[in-house]
Amino acid sequence: MKDISRNLTMLFDFYEITMGNGYFKSGYADRIVYFDLFYRDNPDNGGYAVAAGLEQIIEYIENLSFDGDDIEYLRSKGYFDEEFLNYLSTFRFTGDIWAVPEGTVVFPGEPLITVRAKAIEAQFIETYMLLMINHQSLIATKAARITRAARGRAVSEFGSRRAQGADAAILGARAAYIGGCNSTACAIADQVYGVPATGTMAHSWVQMFDDEYTAFKTYCEIYPNNATLLIDTYNVLNSGVPNAIKVFNEVLKPLGITKCGVRLDSGDITYLTKKVRKMLDDAGWNECKIIVSNSLDEYIIREIIRQGAEVDAFGVGERLITAKSHPVFGAVYKLCAVENENGEIIPRIKISENVGKITTPHFKKVYRLRGRDTGKAEADLICLYDETVDDSMPIELFDPEYTWKRKTLENYTAEELLVPIFKNGELVYEVPTLEEIRAHHQKEMNGMWDEVKRFTNPHNYYVDLSQKLWDIKNGLLQKAGTRDNRK
C-alpha cells in the first residue's frame, strides 16, 4: 500500500482530474481563472464563524506533486491522454492565493480564500482546501461558542476518542485551541502543534485498586503537583470527596502543596458542585479546583453557570470535536471569473432558483469596517479587486438584497481581510505560530459586538457589496433572466 502520509495530491474528487484532462485537451489548461472559497450559513444558527485550516493548506500546496505511483494509477483507469499524464509528472502550483488569516471572525458569503491560477491548478486543489476549511472552521467556531459560555473558566478539549478518525482528533484539537480552548487531552496534538496536553486519571485507575482511598493516595504520591482526582467512580459525596480530602491532608499538606483538583464526570453538576465546594472549603481546601465533564456543550455550560454551579474548568468531548449540533460547515468553492487572451477579467456567476446558491461574481477583496471610537466591527464590504475604501471619508452601505436599506458610516477604519499567501506559486506569507493565531482570534472576538455573539437570535452582521460589484452582479442576473424569458 502506498504511503500517503506526506503527499496528499491525490486527495481530490475524481471529477477534478477528468476536468483537468478535459481542460488540457481542449486548450484551456493555461487559462487563468478565479475561484472563491466561502460558506453560506453560520453553524448552529449563530452570528459568526471562525476561519481555521490555512496552515495545512499551505503545507499541501507546497508539496503538491504527482509521483510515479500516482501517474500509474491514473493511467490504469484508461480515461486520460498520455500527454496529460506527462504534464502531471512535472506538475506544481504556480498561481496566486489570498486568504483571511486563521482565527479571523468571518461571515457568510464573503471569500475566505481566493485563488487565481491556471484552470487545472485551481481545480485540483478544491477538495483539500474545502476539507481543511470545512473541518477546522467548524471546530474552531464551536470552541469559540463553548469558551464564551464558560465565561472565563478554562475549557479543555476531551474528544479524541469520539472524533471521526485520527486527523479529525489531531486537527480538531488544533482548531479548538484556536477557538479558545486552553488545552486538549490529545497528546499528539501537543507533540505536533503545541496544544497543551493535560490529563490525570480515568475511572479505571480508581477501579484498579482495592479501594478508592488507596487509588487516590497512590496517585497523589506519584503526582503531588498534578493531583486532580476523579471522585464519581462510586459515590461523590459519601466517599469521593471525603477520600480526596483525607488524601490531600495526608499527602499534599505536609509538602506545602495547596493547589489540587477534583473532577466530576456524571450526575447533577449544579447540585453536586455546590455540595463539593462547601465540603472542600469547610476542610480548608479553598484552592482545590472543581473540574466537570460529561457530554457538555455551550447551552448546558451556560445553564449550569446560571444555576450557580461551582465550576472552575470544563472538559468538553464529543459535542465539541464532532460539532454534534451542526456537523457540517458547508463551505463551497466556486468559479467567479476568468481572464481572456488580453488579460481582461471576465466575471462569471452561478445562478440557481435557490437564491442562497447564487454566487457573487468577479475578482474581489473584502474590507472590515470598524468604529474608530469603539473598535467594534460594524460591517464587511465586498468590493472589486481594484476598488479602495478611503476611511477618511463617509461611506454609504446598502443591503444587497433590500437595496433601500442604507446607512452612512463615519469615523471608521477599513482593513482588508484577505492577505497574500502565494504569489506565482511561491509562499509570500509568514505563517504565524499557533499562539499568535489564538491571540489574533481573541482580538477578533473582542472586536465584535456582544449582540453578534449571542447563541440565539444573534444580530445579523452586515456583509454588503460595493455599488460597482452590485451593479455587475445585478447586470448578470438580469441578462440571464432576459435569456430565460426568450425561451
Protein backbone atom coordinates (compact mmCIF):
# COMPACT_ATOMS: atom_id res chain seq x y z
CA MET A 1 0.00 0.00 0.00
CA LYS A 2 1.27 3.46 -0.91
CA ASP A 3 2.31 5.73 1.96
CA ILE A 4 0.12 8.86 1.65
CA SER A 5 1.14 10.41 4.96
CA ARG A 6 3.10 13.20 3.23
CA ASN A 7 1.80 13.55 -0.32
CA LEU A 8 -1.96 14.03 -0.44
CA THR A 9 -2.06 15.31 -4.01
CA MET A 10 -4.46 12.52 -4.96
CA LEU A 11 -6.94 13.58 -2.30
CA PHE A 12 -9.37 15.10 -4.77
CA ASP A 13 -12.79 14.28 -6.17
CA PHE A 14 -12.35 12.26 -9.37
CA TYR A 15 -14.18 14.83 -11.47
CA GLU A 16 -11.36 17.26 -10.80
CA ILE A 17 -8.91 15.05 -12.70
CA THR A 18 -11.35 14.34 -15.54
CA MET A 19 -11.97 18.08 -15.85
CA GLY A 20 -8.22 18.67 -15.78
CA ASN A 21 -7.72 16.25 -18.65
CA GLY A 22 -10.60 17.94 -20.47
CA TYR A 23 -9.08 21.39 -19.99
CA PHE A 24 -5.77 20.06 -21.27
CA LYS A 25 -7.22 18.51 -24.42
CA SER A 26 -9.50 21.46 -25.22
CA GLY A 27 -6.80 24.12 -24.88
CA TYR A 28 -7.92 25.53 -21.54
CA ALA A 29 -5.07 24.18 -19.43
CA ASP A 30 -3.32 27.55 -19.10
CA ARG A 31 -6.40 29.76 -18.95
CA ILE A 32 -6.31 31.92 -15.83
CA VAL A 33 -9.36 31.53 -13.61
CA TYR A 34 -10.53 32.88 -10.26
CA PHE A 35 -12.21 30.78 -7.57
CA ASP A 36 -13.69 31.84 -4.23
CA LEU A 37 -13.98 29.59 -1.19
CA PHE A 38 -16.84 30.79 1.03
CA TYR A 39 -19.66 29.44 3.18
CA ARG A 40 -23.37 30.18 3.16
CA ASP A 41 -24.72 29.80 6.72
CA ASN A 42 -23.29 30.15 10.23
CA PRO A 43 -23.12 26.95 12.30
CA ASP A 44 -25.80 26.48 14.97
CA ASN A 45 -27.75 29.46 13.60
CA GLY A 46 -25.11 31.64 15.21
CA GLY A 47 -23.94 35.10 14.27
CA TYR A 48 -20.42 34.33 13.03
CA ALA A 49 -17.81 31.70 12.27
CA VAL A 50 -14.06 31.36 12.89
CA ALA A 51 -11.69 30.69 9.98
CA ALA A 52 -9.17 27.89 10.52
CA GLY A 53 -7.18 25.38 8.47
CA LEU A 54 -4.96 27.68 6.39
CA GLU A 55 -1.65 26.36 7.70
CA GLN A 56 -2.44 22.83 6.49
CA ILE A 57 -3.47 24.20 3.08
CA ILE A 58 -0.12 25.97 2.79
CA GLU A 59 1.72 22.71 3.56
CA TYR A 60 -0.40 20.92 0.97
CA ILE A 61 0.22 23.48 -1.78
CA GLU A 62 3.96 23.43 -1.15
CA ASN A 63 4.07 19.63 -1.51
CA LEU A 64 1.64 19.36 -4.42
CA SER A 65 3.08 16.94 -6.99
CA PHE A 66 2.23 13.66 -8.72
CA ASP A 67 4.70 10.79 -8.26
CA GLY A 68 5.13 7.69 -10.36
CA ASP A 69 2.56 5.67 -8.44
CA ASP A 70 0.00 8.42 -8.95
CA ILE A 71 0.64 8.53 -12.69
CA GLU A 72 0.43 4.73 -12.98
CA TYR A 73 -2.86 4.68 -11.09
CA LEU A 74 -4.34 7.33 -13.39
CA ARG A 75 -3.03 5.52 -16.47
CA SER A 76 -4.72 2.32 -15.26
CA LYS A 77 -8.12 4.00 -15.31
CA GLY A 78 -7.94 4.29 -19.10
CA TYR A 79 -9.52 7.75 -19.19
CA PHE A 80 -6.56 10.05 -19.59
CA ASP A 81 -4.49 11.28 -22.51
CA GLU A 82 -0.81 10.28 -22.33
CA GLU A 83 0.31 13.87 -22.93
CA PHE A 84 -1.80 14.92 -19.95
CA LEU A 85 -0.15 12.28 -17.77
CA ASN A 86 3.27 13.54 -18.86
CA TYR A 87 2.14 17.04 -17.94
CA LEU A 88 1.19 15.82 -14.46
CA SER A 89 4.64 14.30 -13.90
CA THR A 90 6.14 17.81 -13.62
CA PHE A 91 3.05 19.47 -12.13
CA ARG A 92 3.32 22.15 -9.45
CA PHE A 93 1.11 25.01 -8.31
CA THR A 94 2.16 28.31 -9.93
CA GLY A 95 -0.79 30.55 -9.09
CA ASP A 96 -1.76 33.19 -6.53
CA ILE A 97 -3.75 32.68 -3.34
CA TRP A 98 -5.22 35.21 -0.92
CA ALA A 99 -6.87 34.19 2.37
CA VAL A 100 -8.15 35.53 5.66
CA PRO A 101 -5.70 34.70 8.47
CA GLU A 102 -6.66 31.84 10.76
CA GLY A 103 -8.62 32.90 13.82
CA THR A 104 -10.41 35.68 11.94
CA VAL A 105 -14.13 36.05 12.62
CA VAL A 106 -15.91 35.61 9.28
CA PHE A 107 -19.41 35.74 7.84
CA PRO A 108 -21.48 34.02 5.15
CA GLY A 109 -20.93 34.96 1.52
CA GLU A 110 -17.52 36.59 1.82
CA PRO A 111 -14.43 34.91 0.34
CA LEU A 112 -12.27 33.14 2.92
CA ILE A 113 -9.84 32.15 0.18
CA THR A 114 -9.44 33.45 -3.37
CA VAL A 115 -7.40 31.51 -5.92
CA ARG A 116 -6.03 32.94 -9.18
CA ALA A 117 -4.35 30.22 -11.18
CA LYS A 118 -4.33 28.16 -14.34
CA ALA A 119 -7.58 26.24 -14.70
CA ILE A 120 -6.12 22.81 -13.98
CA GLU A 121 -4.19 24.03 -10.93
CA ALA A 122 -7.18 25.84 -9.45
CA GLN A 123 -9.40 22.79 -9.97
CA PHE A 124 -7.01 20.25 -8.41
CA ILE A 125 -6.81 21.98 -5.03
CA GLU A 126 -10.57 22.29 -4.48
CA THR A 127 -11.22 19.20 -2.36
CA TYR A 128 -8.29 19.54 0.03
CA MET A 129 -8.90 23.23 0.66
CA LEU A 130 -12.57 22.61 1.37
CA LEU A 131 -11.71 19.67 3.61
CA MET A 132 -9.36 21.73 5.76
CA ILE A 133 -11.51 24.86 5.96
CA ASN A 134 -14.77 22.99 6.50
CA HIS A 135 -13.44 20.84 9.32
CA GLN A 136 -11.24 23.21 11.27
CA SER A 137 -13.50 26.26 10.88
CA LEU A 138 -16.40 24.17 12.19
CA ILE A 139 -14.50 23.06 15.30
CA ALA A 140 -12.95 26.48 15.93
CA THR A 141 -16.40 28.07 15.75
CA LYS A 142 -17.86 25.52 18.16
CA ALA A 143 -14.95 26.06 20.53
CA ALA A 144 -15.48 29.83 20.41
CA ARG A 145 -19.12 29.35 21.41
CA ILE A 146 -18.28 26.92 24.21
CA THR A 147 -15.48 29.03 25.68
CA ARG A 148 -17.73 32.07 25.54
CA ALA A 149 -20.37 30.16 27.50
CA ALA A 150 -17.73 29.25 30.12
CA ARG A 151 -17.31 32.95 30.96
CA GLY A 152 -13.58 32.91 31.62
CA ARG A 153 -13.36 29.41 33.05
CA ALA A 154 -10.82 27.11 31.42
CA VAL A 155 -12.08 24.64 28.81
CA SER A 156 -10.17 21.53 27.78
CA GLU A 157 -10.94 19.60 24.59
CA PHE A 158 -11.60 15.97 25.60
CA GLY A 159 -12.91 14.44 22.38
CA SER A 160 -10.19 12.39 20.67
CA ARG A 161 -11.84 9.02 21.17
CA ARG A 162 -15.12 10.29 19.70
CA ALA A 163 -13.63 12.07 16.68
CA GLN A 164 -14.20 10.77 13.15
CA GLY A 165 -10.68 9.47 12.64
CA ALA A 166 -7.14 10.35 13.64
CA ASP A 167 -6.84 13.56 11.59
CA ALA A 168 -10.15 14.78 12.97
CA ALA A 169 -8.85 14.26 16.51
CA ILE A 170 -5.49 15.93 15.95
CA LEU A 171 -6.55 18.84 13.76
CA GLY A 172 -9.75 19.18 15.77
CA ALA A 173 -7.67 19.76 18.90
CA ARG A 174 -5.66 22.37 17.00
CA ALA A 175 -8.83 24.14 15.82
CA ALA A 176 -10.36 24.00 19.30
CA TYR A 177 -7.27 25.72 20.69
CA ILE A 178 -7.57 28.45 18.07
CA GLY A 179 -11.22 28.88 19.08
CA GLY A 180 -10.34 29.46 22.72
CA CYS A 181 -9.89 26.11 24.47
CA ASN A 182 -7.00 26.12 26.94
CA SER A 183 -5.79 22.56 26.45
CA THR A 184 -6.51 19.14 24.97
CA ALA A 185 -6.47 15.53 26.11
CA CYS A 186 -4.85 14.59 22.78
CA ALA A 187 -1.13 14.06 23.41
CA ILE A 188 -0.08 14.05 19.76
CA ALA A 189 -1.73 17.45 19.22
CA ASP A 190 0.70 18.78 21.83
CA GLN A 191 3.65 16.96 20.28
CA VAL A 192 2.91 18.14 16.71
CA TYR A 193 1.22 21.53 17.17
CA GLY A 194 1.99 22.60 20.73
CA VAL A 195 -1.60 22.47 22.01
CA PRO A 196 -1.06 21.97 25.77
CA ALA A 197 -1.99 18.40 26.71
CA THR A 198 -3.46 17.72 30.14
CA GLY A 199 -5.00 14.77 31.96
CA THR A 200 -4.78 12.78 35.16
CA MET A 201 -6.86 9.63 35.64
CA ALA A 202 -9.85 7.65 34.40
CA HIS A 203 -12.35 5.61 36.38
CA SER A 204 -10.28 2.51 35.60
CA TRP A 205 -7.46 3.87 37.82
CA VAL A 206 -9.81 4.02 40.79
CA GLN A 207 -11.27 0.60 39.99
CA MET A 208 -7.78 -0.95 39.69
CA PHE A 209 -7.14 -0.59 43.43
CA ASP A 210 -8.87 -2.39 46.27
CA ASP A 211 -10.47 0.82 47.45
CA GLU A 212 -10.93 4.45 46.42
CA TYR A 213 -8.76 5.84 49.20
CA THR A 214 -5.73 3.78 48.12
CA ALA A 215 -6.25 4.79 44.49
CA PHE A 216 -6.30 8.48 45.42
CA LYS A 217 -3.34 8.24 47.80
CA THR A 218 -1.17 6.36 45.30
CA TYR A 219 -1.88 8.92 42.62
CA CYS A 220 -1.11 11.89 44.86
CA GLU A 221 2.15 10.28 45.97
CA ILE A 222 3.24 9.82 42.35
CA TYR A 223 1.94 13.18 41.06
CA PRO A 224 1.75 15.56 44.03
CA ASN A 225 1.99 18.63 41.78
CA ASN A 226 -0.74 17.43 39.40
CA ALA A 227 -3.24 15.94 41.83
CA THR A 228 -6.69 16.03 40.25
CA LEU A 229 -8.83 13.16 41.49
CA LEU A 230 -11.87 11.67 39.76
CA ILE A 231 -14.40 11.49 42.59
CA ASP A 232 -17.53 9.98 40.97
CA THR A 233 -16.48 6.33 40.47
CA TYR A 234 -18.57 5.19 43.44
CA ASN A 235 -20.31 7.95 45.37
CA VAL A 236 -19.34 11.60 45.07
CA LEU A 237 -20.49 12.95 48.42
CA ASN A 238 -20.25 9.86 50.65
CA SER A 239 -16.85 8.57 49.56
CA GLY A 240 -15.29 10.56 46.70
CA VAL A 241 -14.93 13.93 48.42
CA PRO A 242 -14.14 12.56 51.90
CA ASN A 243 -11.40 10.30 50.50
CA ALA A 244 -9.99 13.14 48.40
CA ILE A 245 -9.85 15.46 51.42
CA LYS A 246 -8.22 12.74 53.53
CA VAL A 247 -5.53 12.13 50.91
CA PHE A 248 -4.93 15.85 50.36
CA ASN A 249 -4.38 16.23 54.11
CA GLU A 250 -2.08 13.23 54.35
CA VAL A 251 0.00 13.65 51.20
CA LEU A 252 -0.19 17.23 49.92
CA LYS A 253 -0.42 19.29 53.08
CA PRO A 254 2.90 18.03 54.56
CA LEU A 255 4.55 19.04 51.26
CA GLY A 256 3.07 22.53 51.47
CA ILE A 257 1.00 21.94 48.31
CA THR A 258 -2.36 23.69 48.27
CA LYS A 259 -3.16 23.51 44.56
CA CYS A 260 -5.11 20.42 43.55
CA GLY A 261 -8.39 19.44 41.94
CA VAL A 262 -11.34 17.10 41.79
CA ARG A 263 -13.27 16.09 38.70
CA LEU A 264 -16.89 15.08 38.17
CA ASP A 265 -17.94 13.15 35.08
CA SER A 266 -21.56 12.33 35.94
CA GLY A 267 -24.58 13.32 37.99
CA ASP A 268 -26.36 16.61 38.57
CA ILE A 269 -23.48 19.01 38.04
CA THR A 270 -25.09 22.05 39.63
CA TYR A 271 -26.22 20.24 42.78
CA LEU A 272 -23.06 18.22 43.24
CA THR A 273 -20.58 21.02 42.65
CA LYS A 274 -22.29 23.21 45.24
CA LYS A 275 -22.03 20.40 47.79
CA VAL A 276 -18.46 19.55 46.83
CA ARG A 277 -17.36 23.18 47.07
CA LYS A 278 -18.74 23.51 50.59
CA MET A 279 -17.11 20.27 51.73
CA LEU A 280 -13.74 21.31 50.33
CA ASP A 281 -13.94 24.82 51.79
CA ASP A 282 -15.00 23.51 55.19
CA ALA A 283 -11.94 21.26 55.14
CA GLY A 284 -9.66 24.20 54.31
CA TRP A 285 -9.07 23.27 50.66
CA ASN A 286 -10.27 26.56 49.20
CA GLU A 287 -7.74 26.43 46.35
CA CYS A 288 -8.89 22.99 45.19
CA LYS A 289 -10.39 23.34 41.71
CA ILE A 290 -13.57 21.63 40.58
CA ILE A 291 -13.48 20.34 37.01
CA VAL A 292 -16.55 18.87 35.30
CA SER A 293 -17.12 16.92 32.10
CA ASN A 294 -19.85 14.61 30.70
CA SER A 295 -21.46 15.50 27.32
CA LEU A 296 -21.24 19.26 27.75
CA ASP A 297 -21.90 21.96 25.17
CA GLU A 298 -22.37 25.73 25.22
CA TYR A 299 -26.04 25.53 26.21
CA ILE A 300 -25.50 23.16 29.14
CA ILE A 301 -22.48 25.13 30.34
CA ARG A 302 -24.40 28.40 30.15
CA GLU A 303 -27.33 26.92 32.05
CA ILE A 304 -25.39 25.34 34.91
CA ILE A 305 -23.43 28.57 35.42
CA ARG A 306 -26.74 30.46 35.57
CA GLN A 307 -27.87 27.96 38.20
CA GLY A 308 -24.86 28.74 40.35
CA ALA A 309 -22.74 25.65 39.71
CA GLU A 310 -19.34 25.85 41.42
CA VAL A 311 -17.12 25.01 38.47
CA ASP A 312 -13.56 26.15 37.80
CA ALA A 313 -12.96 24.35 34.49
CA PHE A 314 -14.76 22.23 31.90
CA GLY A 315 -13.75 19.21 29.86
CA VAL A 316 -15.76 19.06 26.63
CA GLY A 317 -15.65 15.99 24.41
CA GLU A 318 -17.87 14.65 21.66
CA ARG A 319 -20.11 17.69 21.27
CA LEU A 320 -17.04 19.82 20.55
CA ILE A 321 -14.80 17.53 18.49
CA THR A 322 -17.73 16.49 16.24
CA ALA A 323 -19.63 19.79 16.44
CA LYS A 324 -22.55 17.47 17.16
CA SER A 325 -25.32 20.05 16.94
CA HIS A 326 -24.20 21.24 13.48
CA PRO A 327 -21.71 18.78 11.99
CA VAL A 328 -21.27 20.36 8.54
CA PHE A 329 -19.70 23.77 7.91
CA GLY A 330 -20.78 23.90 4.28
CA ALA A 331 -18.04 25.92 2.60
CA VAL A 332 -18.06 25.77 -1.21
CA TYR A 333 -15.55 26.58 -3.96
CA LYS A 334 -16.96 28.42 -6.96
CA LEU A 335 -15.62 29.93 -10.17
CA CYS A 336 -16.11 33.70 -10.10
CA ALA A 337 -14.08 35.00 -13.07
CA VAL A 338 -11.82 34.08 -15.98
CA GLU A 339 -9.20 36.02 -17.92
CA ASN A 340 -9.40 36.34 -21.70
CA GLU A 341 -6.42 36.37 -24.07
CA ASN A 342 -5.85 40.09 -23.37
CA GLY A 343 -5.73 39.62 -19.59
CA GLU A 344 -9.18 41.19 -19.12
CA ILE A 345 -11.08 39.76 -16.14
CA ILE A 346 -14.49 38.45 -17.19
CA PRO A 347 -16.94 37.87 -14.30
CA ARG A 348 -18.77 34.55 -14.02
CA ILE A 349 -21.88 33.85 -11.94
CA LYS A 350 -23.68 30.70 -10.84
CA ILE A 351 -27.45 31.16 -10.84
CA SER A 352 -29.94 28.98 -9.00
CA GLU A 353 -33.64 29.02 -8.19
CA ASN A 354 -32.38 28.73 -4.64
CA VAL A 355 -31.42 32.36 -4.02
CA GLY A 356 -28.88 31.37 -1.39
CA LYS A 357 -26.85 29.49 -4.01
CA ILE A 358 -26.43 32.45 -6.36
CA THR A 359 -22.76 33.42 -6.31
CA THR A 360 -21.15 36.85 -6.30
CA PRO A 361 -19.04 37.23 -9.46
CA HIS A 362 -15.63 38.77 -10.20
CA PHE A 363 -12.23 39.04 -8.55
CA LYS A 364 -12.89 40.61 -5.16
CA LYS A 365 -11.48 41.94 -1.93
CA VAL A 366 -13.14 42.29 1.49
CA TYR A 367 -12.90 45.22 3.89
CA ARG A 368 -13.84 45.14 7.56
CA LEU A 369 -15.18 48.47 8.76
CA ARG A 370 -14.71 49.26 12.45
CA GLY A 371 -15.80 52.24 14.52
CA ARG A 372 -12.81 54.35 15.48
CA ASP A 373 -14.36 55.18 18.85
CA THR A 374 -15.44 51.64 19.79
CA GLY A 375 -13.03 49.40 17.89
CA LYS A 376 -16.04 47.19 17.09
CA ALA A 377 -16.76 45.78 13.65
CA GLU A 378 -19.77 47.48 12.05
CA ALA A 379 -19.90 45.75 8.65
CA ASP A 380 -17.87 43.97 5.99
CA LEU A 381 -17.78 45.32 2.45
CA ILE A 382 -17.04 43.13 -0.57
CA CYS A 383 -15.54 45.17 -3.42
CA LEU A 384 -13.96 44.66 -6.80
CA TYR A 385 -10.26 43.83 -6.60
CA ASP A 386 -9.23 47.31 -7.78
CA GLU A 387 -11.53 49.32 -5.51
CA THR A 388 -10.15 51.13 -2.48
CA VAL A 389 -12.07 52.28 0.57
CA ASP A 390 -10.95 55.70 1.81
CA ASP A 391 -11.73 55.57 5.52
CA SER A 392 -11.16 59.31 5.86
CA MET A 393 -14.45 59.82 4.01
CA PRO A 394 -18.02 58.79 4.91
CA ILE A 395 -19.23 55.65 3.14
CA GLU A 396 -22.79 54.66 2.25
CA LEU A 397 -23.62 51.00 2.76
CA PHE A 398 -26.74 49.25 1.49
CA ASP A 399 -28.30 45.83 1.87
CA PRO A 400 -27.52 43.82 -1.30
CA GLU A 401 -30.98 42.24 -1.27
CA TYR A 402 -33.11 45.08 0.12
CA THR A 403 -31.28 47.95 -1.50
CA TRP A 404 -33.44 50.68 0.02
CA LYS A 405 -31.94 49.83 3.42
CA ARG A 406 -28.99 52.20 3.56
CA LYS A 407 -26.63 53.53 6.18
CA THR A 408 -23.86 56.12 6.10
CA LEU A 409 -20.83 55.17 8.19
CA GLU A 410 -18.46 57.81 9.51
CA ASN A 411 -15.46 57.77 11.85
CA TYR A 412 -14.38 54.26 10.91
CA THR A 413 -11.32 52.30 9.84
CA ALA A 414 -11.18 50.00 6.82
CA GLU A 415 -9.00 46.88 6.95
CA GLU A 416 -8.52 44.40 4.12
CA LEU A 417 -9.25 40.86 5.33
CA LEU A 418 -7.69 38.83 2.53
CA VAL A 419 -3.89 38.78 2.61
CA PRO A 420 -1.46 37.36 0.01
CA ILE A 421 -0.43 33.75 0.70
CA PHE A 422 1.13 32.54 -2.57
CA LYS A 423 2.44 34.62 -5.48
CA ASN A 424 3.36 32.78 -8.69
CA GLY A 425 3.38 29.56 -6.69
CA GLU A 426 5.82 30.88 -4.06
CA LEU A 427 4.86 31.32 -0.42
CA VAL A 428 4.89 35.03 0.48
CA TYR A 429 3.09 34.73 3.81
CA GLU A 430 4.85 34.45 7.14
CA VAL A 431 2.92 31.62 8.77
CA PRO A 432 2.10 32.64 12.35
CA THR A 433 2.63 30.39 15.35
CA LEU A 434 -0.37 28.71 16.91
CA GLU A 435 -0.14 31.08 19.87
CA GLU A 436 -0.20 34.06 17.50
CA ILE A 437 -3.24 32.63 15.71
CA ARG A 438 -5.01 32.11 19.03
CA ALA A 439 -4.19 35.68 20.14
CA HIS A 440 -5.47 37.02 16.83
CA HIS A 441 -8.73 35.14 17.36
CA GLN A 442 -9.18 36.60 20.84
CA LYS A 443 -8.58 40.09 19.46
CA GLU A 444 -11.13 39.40 16.72
CA MET A 445 -13.74 38.24 19.22
CA ASN A 446 -13.15 41.30 21.37
CA GLY A 447 -13.78 43.41 18.27
CA MET A 448 -17.29 42.01 17.78
CA TRP A 449 -20.41 43.35 19.45
CA ASP A 450 -21.95 41.01 22.03
CA GLU A 451 -25.18 41.06 20.04
CA VAL A 452 -23.38 39.30 17.16
CA LYS A 453 -22.05 36.65 19.56
CA ARG A 454 -25.43 35.68 21.06
CA PHE A 455 -26.24 31.95 20.88
CA THR A 456 -29.87 32.53 19.94
CA ASN A 457 -31.28 35.20 17.63
CA PRO A 458 -27.93 36.94 17.13
CA HIS A 459 -27.71 40.32 15.47
CA ASN A 460 -27.42 39.99 11.68
CA TYR A 461 -23.95 41.27 10.87
CA TYR A 462 -23.93 43.18 7.59
CA VAL A 463 -21.90 41.90 4.64
CA ASP A 464 -22.53 44.40 1.87
CA LEU A 465 -21.44 44.78 -1.74
CA SER A 466 -19.91 47.89 -3.22
CA GLN A 467 -22.10 49.69 -5.75
CA LYS A 468 -19.83 48.62 -8.63
CA LEU A 469 -19.90 44.97 -7.61
CA TRP A 470 -23.66 45.03 -7.04
CA ASP A 471 -24.17 46.54 -10.49
CA ILE A 472 -22.12 43.76 -12.11
CA LYS A 473 -23.95 41.03 -10.23
CA ASN A 474 -27.37 42.51 -10.90
CA GLY A 475 -26.49 43.01 -14.58
CA LEU A 476 -25.53 39.35 -14.97
CA LEU A 477 -28.74 38.28 -13.23
CA GLN A 478 -30.86 40.49 -15.47
CA LYS A 479 -29.05 39.22 -18.56
CA ALA A 480 -29.70 35.62 -17.55
CA GLY A 481 -33.33 36.45 -16.82
CA THR A 482 -33.74 38.01 -20.26
CA ARG A 483 -32.37 34.86 -21.88
CA ASP A 484 -34.83 32.74 -19.92
CA ASN A 485 -37.78 34.94 -20.91
CA ARG A 486 -37.00 34.43 -24.58
CA LYS A 487 -37.50 30.69 -24.38
